[in-house]
Amino acid sequence: MDSTNASSIFTEYTKLISQFKLPGIDTGAILESRRKDIEALAEANTTALAGVQSLASKQADILRTTLTELQSLVGRLSASGGQPANAGEVVQQALHKALTDMQELADTAYRAQSDSVAVVTKRVAEHVEELKTLLQPKK
């Protein structure tokens, strides 16, 4: 959700709420709360998008690295007549690298998801506090 879309949604919401004048209800506080909700959703979407972009970038880096290593291995195989002396070690290193790369991808995905959830969780906690304030009797 981009800021223009979030802004237009909030503008429409403001028009709708402003039509109603209900005694004892602070429409300004309600509007401010909804504005914060929309901003939190926009921030969560931005955070999620950044995480997906980071994940895609890491995947591209891993693919480039893997292809370079594969090209190097093929070159060494050709140079040694098809049987490198340390073929087992090369395979073991490749497997270790692949497992490390998969762990990095999982960590990146987890961080992206955690960051997005944190934005929404923070807004939910704020919303609960706002509701408590709104529901307290006016003095």
C-alpha atoms as a PDB file:
ATOM      1  CA  MET A   1       0.000   0.000   0.000  1.00  0.00           C
ATOM      2  CA  ASP A   2       1.607   3.278  -0.989  1.00  0.00           C
ATOM      3  CA  SER A   3       1.168   6.516   0.963  1.00  0.00           C
ATOM      4  CA  THR A   4      -1.129   8.031  -1.695  1.00  0.00           C
ATOM      5  CA  ASN A   5      -3.517   5.105  -1.431  1.00  0.00           C
ATOM      6  CA  ALA A   6      -3.369   5.154   2.385  1.00  0.00           C
ATOM      7  CA  SER A   7      -4.021   8.894   2.336  1.00  0.00           C
ATOM      8  CA  SER A   8      -7.045   8.578   0.020  1.00  0.00           C
ATOM      9  CA  ILE A   9      -8.492   5.763   2.143  1.00  0.00           C
ATOM     10  CA  PHE A  10      -8.118   7.910   5.249  1.00  0.00           C
ATOM     11  CA  THR A  11      -9.681  10.922   3.504  1.00  0.00           C
ATOM     12  CA  GLU A  12     -12.744   8.865   2.572  1.00  0.00           C
ATOM     13  CA  TYR A  13     -12.957   7.469   6.102  1.00  0.00           C
ATOM     14  CA  THR A  14     -12.731  11.002   7.550  1.00  0.00           C
ATOM     15  CA  LYS A  15     -15.590  12.192   5.323  1.00  0.00           C
ATOM     16  CA  LEU A  16     -17.741   9.274   6.438  1.00  0.00           C
ATOM     17  CA  ILE A  17     -17.114   9.716  10.175  1.00  0.00           C
ATOM     18  CA  SER A  18     -17.435  13.510  10.006  1.00  0.00           C
ATOM     19  CA  GLN A  19     -21.030  13.165   8.781  1.00  0.00           C
ATOM     20  CA  PHE A  20     -22.066  11.731  12.138  1.00  0.00           C
ATOM     21  CA  LYS A  21     -22.180  13.885  15.246  1.00  0.00           C
ATOM     22  CA  LEU A  22     -22.730  11.517  18.130  1.00  0.00           C
ATOM     23  CA  PRO A  23     -22.959  12.979  21.646  1.00  0.00           C
ATOM     24  CA  GLY A  24     -20.264  11.789  24.033  1.00  0.00           C
ATOM     25  CA  ILE A  25     -18.074  10.299  21.292  1.00  0.00           C
ATOM     26  CA  ASP A  26     -14.830  11.957  20.354  1.00  0.00           C
ATOM     27  CA  THR A  27     -14.820  11.567  16.569  1.00  0.00           C
ATOM     28  CA  GLY A  28     -11.427  13.285  16.392  1.00  0.00           C
ATOM     29  CA  ALA A  29      -9.900  10.548  18.569  1.00  0.00           C
ATOM     30  CA  ILE A  30     -11.578   7.864  16.481  1.00  0.00           C
ATOM     31  CA  LEU A  31     -10.247   9.419  13.275  1.00  0.00           C
ATOM     32  CA  GLU A  32      -6.736   9.715  14.717  1.00  0.00           C
ATOM     33  CA  SER A  33      -6.840   6.074  15.775  1.00  0.00           C
ATOM     34  CA  ARG A  34      -7.912   4.943  12.287  1.00  0.00           C
ATOM     35  CA  ARG A  35      -5.186   7.092  10.712  1.00  0.00           C
ATOM     36  CA  LYS A  36      -2.618   5.307  12.881  1.00  0.00           C
ATOM     37  CA  ASP A  37      -4.113   1.937  11.885  1.00  0.00           C
ATOM     38  CA  ILE A  38      -3.761   2.761   8.189  1.00  0.00           C
ATOM     39  CA  GLU A  39      -0.202   4.011   8.700  1.00  0.00           C
ATOM     40  CA  ALA A  40       0.710   0.817  10.600  1.00  0.00           C
ATOM     41  CA  LEU A  41      -0.658  -1.343   7.788  1.00  0.00           C
ATOM     42  CA  ALA A  42       1.243   0.686   5.200  1.00  0.00           C
ATOM     43  CA  GLU A  43       4.439   0.335   7.263  1.00  0.00           C
ATOM     44  CA  ALA A  44       3.888  -3.421   7.670  1.00  0.00           C
ATOM     45  CA  ASN A  45       3.425  -3.771   3.910  1.00  0.00           C
ATOM     46  CA  THR A  46       6.579  -1.738   3.250  1.00  0.00           C
ATOM     47  CA  THR A  47       8.534  -3.877   5.723  1.00  0.00           C
ATOM     48  CA  ALA A  48       7.229  -7.088   4.173  1.00  0.00           C
ATOM     49  CA  LEU A  49       8.131  -5.858   0.677  1.00  0.00           C
ATOM     50  CA  ALA A  50      11.652  -4.961   1.819  1.00  0.00           C
ATOM     51  CA  GLY A  51      11.984  -8.454   3.278  1.00  0.00           C
ATOM     52  CA  VAL A  52      10.842 -10.100   0.063  1.00  0.00           C
ATOM     53  CA  GLN A  53      13.261  -7.944  -1.934  1.00  0.00           C
ATOM     54  CA  SER A  54      16.105  -8.874   0.425  1.00  0.00           C
ATOM     55  CA  LEU A  55      15.213 -12.548   0.116  1.00  0.00           C
ATOM     56  CA  ALA A  56      15.153 -12.343  -3.675  1.00  0.00           C
ATOM     57  CA  SER A  57      18.505 -10.554  -3.662  1.00  0.00           C
ATOM     58  CA  LYS A  58      20.052 -13.241  -1.453  1.00  0.00           C
ATOM     59  CA  GLN A  59      18.642 -15.962  -3.704  1.00  0.00           C
ATOM     60  CA  ALA A  60      20.173 -14.254  -6.752  1.00  0.00           C
ATOM     61  CA  ASP A  61      23.522 -13.960  -4.957  1.00  0.00           C
ATOM     62  CA  ILE A  62      23.418 -17.644  -4.011  1.00  0.00           C
ATOM     63  CA  LEU A  63      22.577 -18.636  -7.571  1.00  0.00           C
ATOM     64  CA  ARG A  64      25.438 -16.513  -8.948  1.00  0.00           C
ATOM     65  CA  THR A  65      27.878 -17.983  -6.420  1.00  0.00           C
ATOM     66  CA  THR A  66      26.723 -21.530  -7.090  1.00  0.00           C
ATOM     67  CA  LEU A  67      27.027 -21.112 -10.849  1.00  0.00           C
ATOM     68  CA  THR A  68      30.509 -19.617 -10.479  1.00  0.00           C
ATOM     69  CA  GLU A  69      31.605 -22.497  -8.258  1.00  0.00           C
ATOM     70  CA  LEU A  70      30.082 -25.023 -10.653  1.00  0.00           C
ATOM     71  CA  GLN A  71      31.883 -23.394 -13.570  1.00  0.00           C
ATOM     72  CA  SER A  72      35.146 -23.543 -11.610  1.00  0.00           C
ATOM     73  CA  LEU A  73      34.584 -27.219 -10.731  1.00  0.00           C
ATOM     74  CA  VAL A  74      33.897 -28.101 -14.375  1.00  0.00           C
ATOM     75  CA  GLY A  75      37.081 -26.249 -15.351  1.00  0.00           C
ATOM     76  CA  ARG A  76      39.129 -28.183 -12.795  1.00  0.00           C
ATOM     77  CA  LEU A  77      37.554 -31.469 -13.890  1.00  0.00           C
ATOM     78  CA  SER A  78      38.451 -30.726 -17.498  1.00  0.00           C
ATOM     79  CA  ALA A  79      42.010 -29.737 -16.596  1.00  0.00           C
ATOM     80  CA  SER A  80      42.622 -32.884 -14.558  1.00  0.00           C
ATOM     81  CA  GLY A  81      41.182 -35.265 -17.112  1.00  0.00           C
ATOM     82  CA  GLY A  82      37.835 -35.750 -15.379  1.00  0.00           C
ATOM     83  CA  GLN A  83      38.968 -36.978 -11.937  1.00  0.00           C
ATOM     84  CA  PRO A  84      39.996 -34.328  -9.440  1.00  0.00           C
ATOM     85  CA  ALA A  85      42.062 -35.715  -6.606  1.00  0.00           C
ATOM     86  CA  ASN A  86      39.802 -34.149  -4.005  1.00  0.00           C
ATOM     87  CA  ALA A  87      36.344 -34.717  -5.558  1.00  0.00           C
ATOM     88  CA  GLY A  88      34.886 -35.870  -2.229  1.00  0.00           C
ATOM     89  CA  GLU A  89      36.139 -32.752  -0.488  1.00  0.00           C
ATOM     90  CA  VAL A  90      34.721 -30.510  -3.232  1.00  0.00           C
ATOM     91  CA  VAL A  91      31.299 -32.162  -2.936  1.00  0.00           C
ATOM     92  CA  GLN A  92      31.394 -31.884   0.860  1.00  0.00           C
ATOM     93  CA  GLN A  93      32.270 -28.181   0.646  1.00  0.00           C
ATOM     94  CA  ALA A  94      29.485 -27.580  -1.875  1.00  0.00           C
ATOM     95  CA  LEU A  95      26.941 -29.295   0.395  1.00  0.00           C
ATOM     96  CA  HIS A  96      28.138 -27.330   3.417  1.00  0.00           C
ATOM     97  CA  LYS A  97      27.880 -24.062   1.457  1.00  0.00           C
ATOM     98  CA  ALA A  98      24.384 -24.956   0.257  1.00  0.00           C
ATOM     99  CA  LEU A  99      23.226 -25.661   3.829  1.00  0.00           C
ATOM    100  CA  THR A 100      24.739 -22.395   5.067  1.00  0.00           C
ATOM    101  CA  ASP A 101      23.034 -20.474   2.253  1.00  0.00           C
ATOM    102  CA  MET A 102      19.674 -22.102   3.014  1.00  0.00           C
ATOM    103  CA  GLN A 103      20.054 -21.112   6.689  1.00  0.00           C
ATOM    104  CA  GLU A 104      20.759 -17.503   5.641  1.00  0.00           C
ATOM    105  CA  LEU A 105      17.622 -17.494   3.476  1.00  0.00           C
ATOM    106  CA  ALA A 106      15.537 -18.878   6.335  1.00  0.00           C
ATOM    107  CA  ASP A 107      16.967 -16.245   8.694  1.00  0.00           C
ATOM    108  CA  THR A 108      16.190 -13.463   6.217  1.00  0.00           C
ATOM    109  CA  ALA A 109      12.619 -14.692   5.760  1.00  0.00           C
ATOM    110  CA  TYR A 110      12.159 -14.963   9.529  1.00  0.00           C
ATOM    111  CA  ARG A 111      13.474 -11.433  10.111  1.00  0.00           C
ATOM    112  CA  ALA A 112      11.198  -9.996   7.420  1.00  0.00           C
ATOM    113  CA  GLN A 113       8.176 -11.731   8.887  1.00  0.00           C
ATOM    114  CA  SER A 114       9.110 -10.718  12.452  1.00  0.00           C
ATOM    115  CA  ASP A 115       9.569  -7.082  11.460  1.00  0.00           C
ATOM    116  CA  SER A 116       6.168  -6.968   9.741  1.00  0.00           C
ATOM    117  CA  VAL A 117       4.421  -8.651  12.662  1.00  0.00           C
ATOM    118  CA  ALA A 118       6.139  -6.292  15.125  1.00  0.00           C
ATOM    119  CA  VAL A 119       4.665  -3.250  13.359  1.00  0.00           C
ATOM    120  CA  VAL A 120       1.145  -4.673  13.521  1.00  0.00           C
ATOM    121  CA  THR A 121       1.554  -5.930  17.114  1.00  0.00           C
ATOM    122  CA  LYS A 122       2.715  -2.496  18.248  1.00  0.00           C
ATOM    123  CA  ARG A 123      -0.316  -0.875  16.624  1.00  0.00           C
ATOM    124  CA  VAL A 124      -2.691  -3.394  18.218  1.00  0.00           C
ATOM    125  CA  ALA A 125      -1.263  -2.566  21.665  1.00  0.00           C
ATOM    126  CA  GLU A 126      -1.658   1.152  20.955  1.00  0.00           C
ATOM    127  CA  HIS A 127      -5.209   0.529  19.770  1.00  0.00           C
ATOM    128  CA  VAL A 128      -6.119  -1.252  23.008  1.00  0.00           C
ATOM    129  CA  GLU A 129      -4.808   1.710  25.007  1.00  0.00           C
ATOM    130  CA  GLU A 130      -6.760   4.139  22.812  1.00  0.00           C
ATOM    131  CA  LEU A 131      -9.944   2.136  23.315  1.00  0.00           C
ATOM    132  CA  LYS A 132      -9.448   2.158  27.080  1.00  0.00           C
ATOM    133  CA  THR A 133      -9.119   5.942  26.959  1.00  0.00           C
ATOM    134  CA  LEU A 134     -12.153   6.356  24.696  1.00  0.00           C
ATOM    135  CA  LEU A 135     -14.346   4.152  26.868  1.00  0.00           C
ATOM    136  CA  GLN A 136     -13.595   5.996  30.106  1.00  0.00           C
ATOM    137  CA  PRO A 137     -16.456   8.230  31.176  1.00  0.00           C
ATOM    138  CA  LYS A 138     -15.989  11.941  30.517  1.00  0.00           C
ATOM    139  CA  LYS A 139     -15.630  14.089  33.627  1.00  0.00           C
END
